[in-house]
C-alpha atoms as a PDB file:
ATOM      1  CA  MET A   1      48.887  16.334  58.900  1.00  0.00           C
ATOM      2  CA  VAL A   2      50.586  15.400  55.650  1.00  0.00           C
ATOM      3  CA  LYS A   3      47.530  13.373  54.593  1.00  0.00           C
ATOM      4  CA  LEU A   4      45.199  16.291  55.334  1.00  0.00           C
ATOM      5  CA  SER A   5      47.333  18.677  53.272  1.00  0.00           C
ATOM      6  CA  PHE A   6      47.334  16.236  50.339  1.00  0.00           C
ATOM      7  CA  PHE A   7      43.507  15.967  50.463  1.00  0.00           C
ATOM      8  CA  LEU A   8      43.141  19.745  50.482  1.00  0.00           C
ATOM      9  CA  LEU A   9      45.299  19.952  47.373  1.00  0.00           C
ATOM     10  CA  LEU A  10      43.139  17.376  45.556  1.00  0.00           C
ATOM     11  CA  LEU A  11      39.803  18.962  46.476  1.00  0.00           C
ATOM     12  CA  PRO A  12      39.911  21.793  43.847  1.00  0.00           C
ATOM     13  CA  LEU A  13      40.849  19.281  41.167  1.00  0.00           C
ATOM     14  CA  LEU A  14      37.934  17.035  42.050  1.00  0.00           C
ATOM     15  CA  SER A  15      35.511  19.960  42.021  1.00  0.00           C
ATOM     16  CA  CYS A  16      36.779  21.111  38.633  1.00  0.00           C
ATOM     17  CA  SER A  17      36.509  17.626  37.206  1.00  0.00           C
ATOM     18  CA  ALA A  18      32.908  17.245  38.389  1.00  0.00           C
ATOM     19  CA  SER A  19      31.895  20.441  36.661  1.00  0.00           C
ATOM     20  CA  GLN A  20      33.352  19.465  33.255  1.00  0.00           C
ATOM     21  CA  PRO A  21      30.795  19.103  30.399  1.00  0.00           C
ATOM     22  CA  GLN A  22      30.013  15.685  28.886  1.00  0.00           C
ATOM     23  CA  LEU A  23      32.539  14.324  26.421  1.00  0.00           C
ATOM     24  CA  VAL A  24      31.798  14.887  22.743  1.00  0.00           C
ATOM     25  CA  GLY A  25      30.129  11.825  21.262  1.00  0.00           C
ATOM     26  CA  MET A  26      28.351  10.820  24.469  1.00  0.00           C
ATOM     27  CA  GLU A  27      24.678  10.087  23.641  1.00  0.00           C
ATOM     28  CA  LYS A  28      22.065  12.147  25.402  1.00  0.00           C
ATOM     29  CA  PRO A  29      18.905  10.466  26.742  1.00  0.00           C
ATOM     30  CA  VAL A  30      16.180  10.357  24.089  1.00  0.00           C
ATOM     31  CA  ASP A  31      12.627  11.378  24.879  1.00  0.00           C
ATOM     32  CA  GLU A  32      10.759   8.302  23.630  1.00  0.00           C
ATOM     33  CA  ALA A  33       7.478  10.160  23.050  1.00  0.00           C
ATOM     34  CA  SER A  34       9.149  12.880  20.949  1.00  0.00           C
ATOM     35  CA  ALA A  35      10.832  10.228  18.780  1.00  0.00           C
ATOM     36  CA  LEU A  36       7.492   8.729  17.787  1.00  0.00           C
ATOM     37  CA  PRO A  37       5.420  10.015  14.855  1.00  0.00           C
ATOM     38  CA  MET A  38       2.510  12.295  15.684  1.00  0.00           C
ATOM     39  CA  LEU A  39       0.059   9.609  14.497  1.00  0.00           C
ATOM     40  CA  HIS A  40       1.359   6.188  15.467  1.00  0.00           C
ATOM     41  CA  ILE A  41      -0.103   2.743  14.706  1.00  0.00           C
ATOM     42  CA  GLN A  42       1.082  -0.290  16.665  1.00  0.00           C
ATOM     43  CA  PRO A  43       2.134  -2.788  15.548  1.00  0.00           C
ATOM     44  CA  LYS A  44       3.268  -1.693  12.105  1.00  0.00           C
ATOM     45  CA  ILE A  45       2.965  -5.264  10.837  1.00  0.00           C
ATOM     46  CA  TYR A  46       0.557  -7.832  12.312  1.00  0.00           C
ATOM     47  CA  ASP A  47       1.304 -11.431  11.286  1.00  0.00           C
ATOM     48  CA  LEU A  48      -1.650 -13.803  11.747  1.00  0.00           C
ATOM     49  CA  GLY A  49       0.138 -16.882  10.402  1.00  0.00           C
ATOM     50  CA  ASP A  50      -1.962 -19.535   8.644  1.00  0.00           C
ATOM     51  CA  ILE A  51      -5.697 -18.945   8.142  1.00  0.00           C
ATOM     52  CA  GLN A  52      -8.073 -21.312   6.395  1.00  0.00           C
ATOM     53  CA  GLU A  53      -9.813 -19.914   3.328  1.00  0.00           C
ATOM     54  CA  GLY A  54     -13.223 -18.461   4.176  1.00  0.00           C
ATOM     55  CA  GLU A  55     -12.308 -17.622   7.767  1.00  0.00           C
ATOM     56  CA  ALA A  56     -12.069 -13.939   8.671  1.00  0.00           C
ATOM     57  CA  ALA A  57      -8.590 -12.554   9.253  1.00  0.00           C
ATOM     58  CA  ILE A  58      -9.057 -10.269  12.263  1.00  0.00           C
ATOM     59  CA  ALA A  59      -6.543  -8.071  14.065  1.00  0.00           C
ATOM     60  CA  THR A  60      -6.646  -5.123  16.461  1.00  0.00           C
ATOM     61  CA  PHE A  61      -4.185  -2.230  16.167  1.00  0.00           C
ATOM     62  CA  LEU A  62      -3.612   0.709  18.515  1.00  0.00           C
ATOM     63  CA  ILE A  63      -3.664   4.237  17.100  1.00  0.00           C
ATOM     64  CA  ARG A  64      -1.854   6.708  19.356  1.00  0.00           C
ATOM     65  CA  ASN A  65      -2.046  10.507  19.239  1.00  0.00           C
ATOM     66  CA  ASN A  66       1.411  11.892  20.110  1.00  0.00           C
ATOM     67  CA  SER A  67       0.491  15.499  19.347  1.00  0.00           C
ATOM     68  CA  GLY A  68      -0.340  18.093  21.954  1.00  0.00           C
ATOM     69  CA  GLN A  69      -3.953  18.503  20.850  1.00  0.00           C
ATOM     70  CA  SER A  70      -7.051  16.458  20.245  1.00  0.00           C
ATOM     71  CA  ILE A  71      -7.395  14.935  16.782  1.00  0.00           C
ATOM     72  CA  GLU A  72     -10.098  13.357  14.677  1.00  0.00           C
ATOM     73  CA  LEU A  73      -9.501  10.409  12.356  1.00  0.00           C
ATOM     74  CA  VAL A  74     -10.857  11.858   9.113  1.00  0.00           C
ATOM     75  CA  ASP A  75      -9.940   9.119   6.632  1.00  0.00           C
ATOM     76  CA  ILE A  76      -9.359   5.381   6.941  1.00  0.00           C
ATOM     77  CA  GLN A  77      -8.612   3.517   3.712  1.00  0.00           C
ATOM     78  CA  ALA A  78      -7.830  -0.138   3.025  1.00  0.00           C
ATOM     79  CA  SER A  79      -5.835  -1.486   0.091  1.00  0.00           C
ATOM     80  CA  CYS A  80      -8.688  -3.779  -0.960  1.00  0.00           C
ATOM     81  CA  GLY A  81     -12.472  -3.866  -0.773  1.00  0.00           C
ATOM     82  CA  CYS A  82     -12.351  -7.138   1.165  1.00  0.00           C
ATOM     83  CA  THR A  83     -10.741  -5.281   4.084  1.00  0.00           C
ATOM     84  CA  ALA A  84     -12.875  -3.449   6.656  1.00  0.00           C
ATOM     85  CA  ALA A  85     -11.285  -1.151   9.250  1.00  0.00           C
ATOM     86  CA  GLU A  86     -13.221   0.546  12.056  1.00  0.00           C
ATOM     87  CA  PRO A  87     -11.866   2.480  15.076  1.00  0.00           C
ATOM     88  CA  ASP A  88     -13.475   2.372  18.516  1.00  0.00           C
ATOM     89  CA  SER A  89     -13.455   6.174  18.442  1.00  0.00           C
ATOM     90  CA  TYR A  90     -12.721   8.720  15.731  1.00  0.00           C
ATOM     91  CA  MET A  91     -11.691  11.319  18.345  1.00  0.00           C
ATOM     92  CA  ILE A  92      -8.396  10.877  20.220  1.00  0.00           C
ATOM     93  CA  SER A  93      -7.266  13.159  23.044  1.00  0.00           C
ATOM     94  CA  PRO A  94      -3.631  14.347  23.389  1.00  0.00           C
ATOM     95  CA  SER A  95      -1.367  11.373  24.222  1.00  0.00           C
ATOM     96  CA  GLY A  96      -4.438   9.146  24.032  1.00  0.00           C
ATOM     97  CA  PHE A  97      -5.165   6.161  21.849  1.00  0.00           C
ATOM     98  CA  THR A  98      -7.983   4.151  20.301  1.00  0.00           C
ATOM     99  CA  GLN A  99      -8.272   0.643  18.945  1.00  0.00           C
ATOM    100  CA  LEU A 100      -8.558  -0.027  15.207  1.00  0.00           C
ATOM    101  CA  LYS A 101     -10.250  -3.315  14.372  1.00  0.00           C
ATOM    102  CA  VAL A 102      -9.418  -4.762  10.944  1.00  0.00           C
ATOM    103  CA  ALA A 103     -11.233  -7.706   9.357  1.00  0.00           C
ATOM    104  CA  ILE A 104     -10.443  -9.289   5.989  1.00  0.00           C
ATOM    105  CA  ASP A 105     -12.631 -11.638   3.977  1.00  0.00           C
ATOM    106  CA  THR A 106     -10.325 -14.484   2.904  1.00  0.00           C
ATOM    107  CA  SER A 107     -12.747 -15.988   0.376  1.00  0.00           C
ATOM    108  CA  ALA A 108     -11.091 -16.843  -2.970  1.00  0.00           C
ATOM    109  CA  LYS A 109      -7.639 -16.044  -1.583  1.00  0.00           C
ATOM    110  CA  GLN A 110      -4.588 -18.267  -1.462  1.00  0.00           C
ATOM    111  CA  PHE A 111      -0.940 -18.265  -0.374  1.00  0.00           C
ATOM    112  CA  ASP A 112       0.754 -15.242   1.220  1.00  0.00           C
ATOM    113  CA  ILE A 113      -1.497 -12.203   1.553  1.00  0.00           C
ATOM    114  CA  LYS A 114      -0.609  -8.638   2.535  1.00  0.00           C
ATOM    115  CA  LYS A 115      -3.257  -5.994   3.157  1.00  0.00           C
ATOM    116  CA  SER A 116      -2.604  -2.400   4.218  1.00  0.00           C
ATOM    117  CA  VAL A 117      -4.637   0.185   6.116  1.00  0.00           C
ATOM    118  CA  TYR A 118      -3.980   3.928   5.789  1.00  0.00           C
ATOM    119  CA  VAL A 119      -5.117   6.449   8.416  1.00  0.00           C
ATOM    120  CA  THR A 120      -5.212  10.258   8.203  1.00  0.00           C
ATOM    121  CA  ASP A 121      -6.026  12.625  11.064  1.00  0.00           C
ATOM    122  CA  SER A 122      -7.442  16.159  11.166  1.00  0.00           C
ATOM    123  CA  LEU A 123      -3.914  17.647  11.394  1.00  0.00           C
ATOM    124  CA  GLY A 124      -2.843  15.968   8.167  1.00  0.00           C
ATOM    125  CA  ASN A 125      -0.720  13.304   9.848  1.00  0.00           C
ATOM    126  CA  THR A 126      -0.766   9.871   8.218  1.00  0.00           C
ATOM    127  CA  ALA A 127       0.053   6.364   9.348  1.00  0.00           C
ATOM    128  CA  LYS A 128       0.090   2.927   7.758  1.00  0.00           C
ATOM    129  CA  ALA A 129      -0.249  -0.593   9.144  1.00  0.00           C
ATOM    130  CA  MET A 130      -0.073  -3.962   7.420  1.00  0.00           C
ATOM    131  CA  LEU A 131      -1.787  -7.278   8.091  1.00  0.00           C
ATOM    132  CA  VAL A 132      -0.055 -10.389   6.697  1.00  0.00           C
ATOM    133  CA  PHE A 133      -1.177 -14.011   6.677  1.00  0.00           C
ATOM    134  CA  ASN A 134      -1.036 -17.219   4.671  1.00  0.00           C
ATOM    135  CA  VAL A 135      -4.301 -18.632   3.323  1.00  0.00           C
ATOM    136  CA  VAL A 136      -4.445 -22.432   3.362  1.00  0.00           C
ATOM    137  CA  GLU A 137      -7.014 -24.801   1.917  1.00  0.00           C
ATOM    138  CA  ASN A 138     -10.212 -25.246   3.922  1.00  0.00           C
ATOM    139  CA  PRO A 139     -11.497 -28.819   3.524  1.00  0.00           C
ATOM    140  CA  HIS A 140     -14.823 -27.931   5.177  1.00  0.00           C
ATOM    141  CA  LEU A 141     -15.650 -25.426   2.444  1.00  0.00           C
ATOM    142  CA  GLN A 142     -14.918 -27.935  -0.286  1.00  0.00           C
ATOM    143  CA  SER A 143     -16.952 -30.721   1.269  1.00  0.00           C
ATOM    144  CA  ALA A 144     -19.915 -28.389   1.842  1.00  0.00           C
ATOM    145  CA  GLY A 145     -19.703 -26.874  -1.635  1.00  0.00           C
ATOM    146  CA  LYS A 146     -19.528 -23.338  -0.187  1.00  0.00           C
ATOM    147  CA  ILE A 147     -16.425 -22.056  -1.933  1.00  0.00           C
ATOM    148  CA  LYS A 148     -16.841 -18.419  -2.971  1.00  0.00           C
ATOM    149  CA  GLY A 149     -15.249 -16.770  -5.983  1.00  0.00           C
ATOM    150  CA  ILE A 150     -13.870 -13.294  -6.527  1.00  0.00           C
ATOM    151  CA  PHE A 151     -17.259 -12.121  -7.847  1.00  0.00           C
ATOM    152  CA  ASP A 152     -18.932 -12.935  -4.501  1.00  0.00           C
ATOM    153  CA  GLY A 153     -19.272 -10.958  -1.291  1.00  0.00           C
ATOM    154  CA  GLN A 154     -16.791  -8.176  -0.549  1.00  0.00           C
ATOM    155  CA  CYS A 155     -14.444  -9.332  -3.331  1.00  0.00           C
ATOM    156  CA  ALA A 156     -16.977  -8.091  -5.878  1.00  0.00           C
ATOM    157  CA  SER A 157     -16.236  -4.499  -4.870  1.00  0.00           C
ATOM    158  CA  CYS A 158     -12.785  -4.872  -6.443  1.00  0.00           C
ATOM    159  CA  HIS A 159     -13.133  -7.569  -9.102  1.00  0.00           C
ATOM    160  CA  PHE A 160     -16.633  -7.006 -10.488  1.00  0.00           C
ATOM    161  CA  GLU A 161     -18.322  -3.676  -9.855  1.00  0.00           C
ATOM    162  CA  PRO A 162     -15.481  -1.308 -10.943  1.00  0.00           C
ATOM    163  CA  LEU A 163     -15.018  -3.185 -14.232  1.00  0.00           C
ATOM    164  CA  VAL A 164     -18.562  -2.747 -15.514  1.00  0.00           C
ATOM    165  CA  ASN A 165     -18.621  -0.233 -18.387  1.00  0.00           C
ATOM    166  CA  THR A 166     -14.880   0.494 -18.085  1.00  0.00           C
ATOM    167  CA  ILE A 167     -13.460   0.849 -21.599  1.00  0.00           C
ATOM    168  CA  ASP A 168      -9.730   1.637 -21.286  1.00  0.00           C
ATOM    169  CA  PRO A 169      -7.811  -1.685 -21.102  1.00  0.00           C
ATOM    170  CA  LYS A 170      -5.062  -0.385 -18.803  1.00  0.00           C
ATOM    171  CA  THR A 171      -7.693   0.902 -16.391  1.00  0.00           C
ATOM    172  CA  LEU A 172      -9.444  -2.466 -16.571  1.00  0.00           C
ATOM    173  CA  TYR A 173      -6.222  -4.199 -15.665  1.00  0.00           C
ATOM    174  CA  ASP A 174      -5.124  -1.767 -12.948  1.00  0.00           C
ATOM    175  CA  VAL A 175      -8.525  -1.849 -11.239  1.00  0.00           C
ATOM    176  CA  GLY A 176      -9.489  -5.499 -11.533  1.00  0.00           C
ATOM    177  CA  CYS A 177      -6.379  -7.555 -12.215  1.00  0.00           C
ATOM    178  CA  ALA A 178      -3.166  -5.927 -10.950  1.00  0.00           C
ATOM    179  CA  MET A 179      -3.810  -6.754  -7.291  1.00  0.00           C
ATOM    180  CA  CYS A 180      -3.411 -10.449  -8.125  1.00  0.00           C
ATOM    181  CA  HIS A 181      -1.340 -10.536 -11.324  1.00  0.00           C
ATOM    182  CA  GLY A 182       1.045  -7.708 -10.410  1.00  0.00           C
ATOM    183  CA  GLU A 183       2.153  -4.526 -12.114  1.00  0.00           C
ATOM    184  CA  GLN A 184       2.202  -4.800 -15.901  1.00  0.00           C
ATOM    185  CA  GLY A 185       1.069  -8.434 -15.739  1.00  0.00           C
ATOM    186  CA  VAL A 186       4.343  -9.815 -14.393  1.00  0.00           C
ATOM    187  CA  GLY A 187       2.804 -11.911 -11.612  1.00  0.00           C
ATOM    188  CA  ALA A 188       2.218 -11.568  -7.856  1.00  0.00           C
ATOM    189  CA  TYR A 189      -0.264 -13.770  -5.994  1.00  0.00           C
ATOM    190  CA  ALA A 190      -1.407 -15.070  -9.376  1.00  0.00           C
ATOM    191  CA  PRO A 191       0.645 -16.113 -12.436  1.00  0.00           C
ATOM    192  CA  ARG A 192       2.232 -13.668 -14.835  1.00  0.00           C
ATOM    193  CA  LEU A 193       0.325 -12.843 -17.996  1.00  0.00           C
ATOM    194  CA  THR A 194       3.128 -11.573 -20.236  1.00  0.00           C
ATOM    195  CA  ASN A 195       4.418 -14.967 -21.367  1.00  0.00           C
ATOM    196  CA  LEU A 196       1.245 -16.673 -22.598  1.00  0.00           C
ATOM    197  CA  PRO A 197       1.569 -18.431 -25.965  1.00  0.00           C
ATOM    198  CA  SER A 198      -0.942 -16.478 -28.049  1.00  0.00           C
ATOM    199  CA  LEU A 199      -3.492 -13.677 -28.075  1.00  0.00           C
ATOM    200  CA  THR A 200      -6.246 -16.249 -28.615  1.00  0.00           C
ATOM    201  CA  PHE A 201      -5.174 -18.212 -25.536  1.00  0.00           C
ATOM    202  CA  LEU A 202      -5.033 -15.034 -23.451  1.00  0.00           C
ATOM    203  CA  SER A 203      -8.498 -13.800 -24.439  1.00  0.00           C
ATOM    204  CA  HIS A 204      -9.951 -17.303 -23.920  1.00  0.00           C
ATOM    205  CA  THR A 205      -8.437 -17.467 -20.406  1.00  0.00           C
ATOM    206  CA  ILE A 206      -9.858 -14.073 -19.458  1.00  0.00           C
ATOM    207  CA  ALA A 207     -13.290 -14.978 -20.791  1.00  0.00           C
ATOM    208  CA  HIS A 208     -13.568 -18.521 -19.396  1.00  0.00           C
ATOM    209  CA  GLY A 209     -11.153 -18.611 -16.474  1.00  0.00           C
ATOM    210  CA  VAL A 210      -9.137 -21.601 -15.291  1.00  0.00           C
ATOM    211  CA  GLY A 211     -11.787 -23.459 -13.314  1.00  0.00           C
ATOM    212  CA  ARG A 212     -10.800 -22.033  -9.928  1.00  0.00           C
ATOM    213  CA  PRO A 213     -12.683 -19.520  -7.736  1.00  0.00           C
ATOM    214  CA  GLN A 214      -9.602 -17.271  -7.767  1.00  0.00           C
ATOM    215  CA  MET A 215      -9.810 -17.002 -11.576  1.00  0.00           C
ATOM    216  CA  PRO A 216     -13.345 -17.451 -12.899  1.00  0.00           C
ATOM    217  CA  GLY A 217     -14.441 -16.508 -16.390  1.00  0.00           C
ATOM    218  CA  PHE A 218     -14.814 -12.730 -16.696  1.00  0.00           C
ATOM    219  CA  SER A 219     -17.219 -12.822 -19.645  1.00  0.00           C
ATOM    220  CA  HIS A 220     -20.916 -12.055 -19.300  1.00  0.00           C
ATOM    221  CA  ALA A 221     -21.619 -15.606 -20.450  1.00  0.00           C
ATOM    222  CA  ASN A 222     -19.765 -16.930 -17.396  1.00  0.00           C
ATOM    223  CA  GLY A 223     -21.312 -14.516 -14.914  1.00  0.00           C
ATOM    224  CA  GLY A 224     -18.496 -11.991 -15.116  1.00  0.00           C
ATOM    225  CA  PRO A 225     -18.501  -8.206 -15.626  1.00  0.00           C
ATOM    226  CA  LEU A 226     -16.857  -7.938 -19.072  1.00  0.00           C
ATOM    227  CA  THR A 227     -18.269  -7.777 -22.567  1.00  0.00           C
ATOM    228  CA  ASP A 228     -16.560  -9.517 -25.475  1.00  0.00           C
ATOM    229  CA  ALA A 229     -15.209  -6.143 -26.638  1.00  0.00           C
ATOM    230  CA  GLN A 230     -13.710  -5.393 -23.208  1.00  0.00           C
ATOM    231  CA  ILE A 231     -12.077  -8.839 -23.082  1.00  0.00           C
ATOM    232  CA  GLN A 232     -10.548  -8.451 -26.535  1.00  0.00           C
ATOM    233  CA  SER A 233      -9.233  -4.975 -25.720  1.00  0.00           C
ATOM    234  CA  LEU A 234      -7.724  -6.150 -22.409  1.00  0.00           C
ATOM    235  CA  ALA A 235      -6.147  -9.226 -24.016  1.00  0.00           C
ATOM    236  CA  GLU A 236      -4.536  -7.168 -26.784  1.00  0.00           C
ATOM    237  CA  TRP A 237      -3.142  -4.672 -24.267  1.00  0.00           C
ATOM    238  CA  LEU A 238      -1.645  -7.468 -22.163  1.00  0.00           C
ATOM    239  CA  TYR A 239      -0.304  -9.380 -25.139  1.00  0.00           C
ATOM    240  CA  HIS A 240       1.657  -6.373 -26.384  1.00  0.00           C
ATOM    241  CA  LEU A 241       3.318  -5.563 -23.049  1.00  0.00           C
ATOM    242  CA  PRO A 242       7.129  -5.850 -23.206  1.00  0.00           C
ATOM    243  CA  LYS A 243       8.234  -9.364 -22.282  1.00  0.00           C
ATOM    244  CA  GLU A 244      11.696  -8.241 -21.152  1.00  0.00           C
ATOM    245  CA  ALA A 245      10.177  -6.379 -18.174  1.00  0.00           C
ATOM    246  CA  ASP A 246       9.230  -9.655 -16.495  1.00  0.00           C
ATOM    247  CA  GLU A 247      12.221 -10.243 -14.254  1.00  0.00           C
ATOM    248  CA  SER A 248      12.726  -6.619 -13.221  1.00  0.00           C
ATOM    249  CA  LEU A 249       9.124  -6.071 -12.147  1.00  0.00           C
ATOM    250  CA  SER A 250       8.019  -9.440 -10.820  1.00  0.00           C
ATOM    251  CA  SER A 251       8.444 -10.021  -7.099  1.00  0.00           C
ATOM    252  CA  ASN A 252       6.769 -13.405  -6.975  1.00  0.00           C
ATOM    253  CA  PRO A 253       6.393 -14.905 -10.448  1.00  0.00           C
ATOM    254  CA  ARG A 254       4.434 -18.115 -10.825  1.00  0.00           C
END
């Protein structure tokens, strides 16, 4: 009888305790779908590891539509002309997805490479994905004499065609050189250009190259896109860039 009375006294307390709200600071369950961006590319970074020069770097991404309505992929841009990106479908239903196949021509490339793809949908949502890999020497290309330069194939769309008839030296550099030599000539995949010994040496290097497919001669005489006047203008612009900016801008000086 005493035990029963004690239980009856506890019952209101237990009921009250069960109805108490959650303690402040307790995390509420997160809706995973709502936490994702409306236009979502997976994975954000695709690492292919080592790839021999001349072999295609190929990866497949998933593009997911997290909005509540159908979308159309209206713009797909790559950071370089050597990169091709094509979706299986440009239309994606709500909560649906499509595959995005990306292929990169690795001709005339070396060391660590990063290429980006940018996607925009019909609602104005944007997404970005990156493909990274390390280009290593391909002995089969060398033995067969099939090494391509940056004026060949898809590389020409960045390093040759846009430079023809371009007069402004900064535009010449930004369009045809910065992707390898970095912002303001401080170096990236290729060596920096702000510490060369003389203007004559710089203009000669631009005109005649260094004997490698990654840096051929850019003069008309060597099969390149630039006139003597363009080369001189570009060399003078580079030579007069501030030298003290080197360390602050360069992420991978060589």
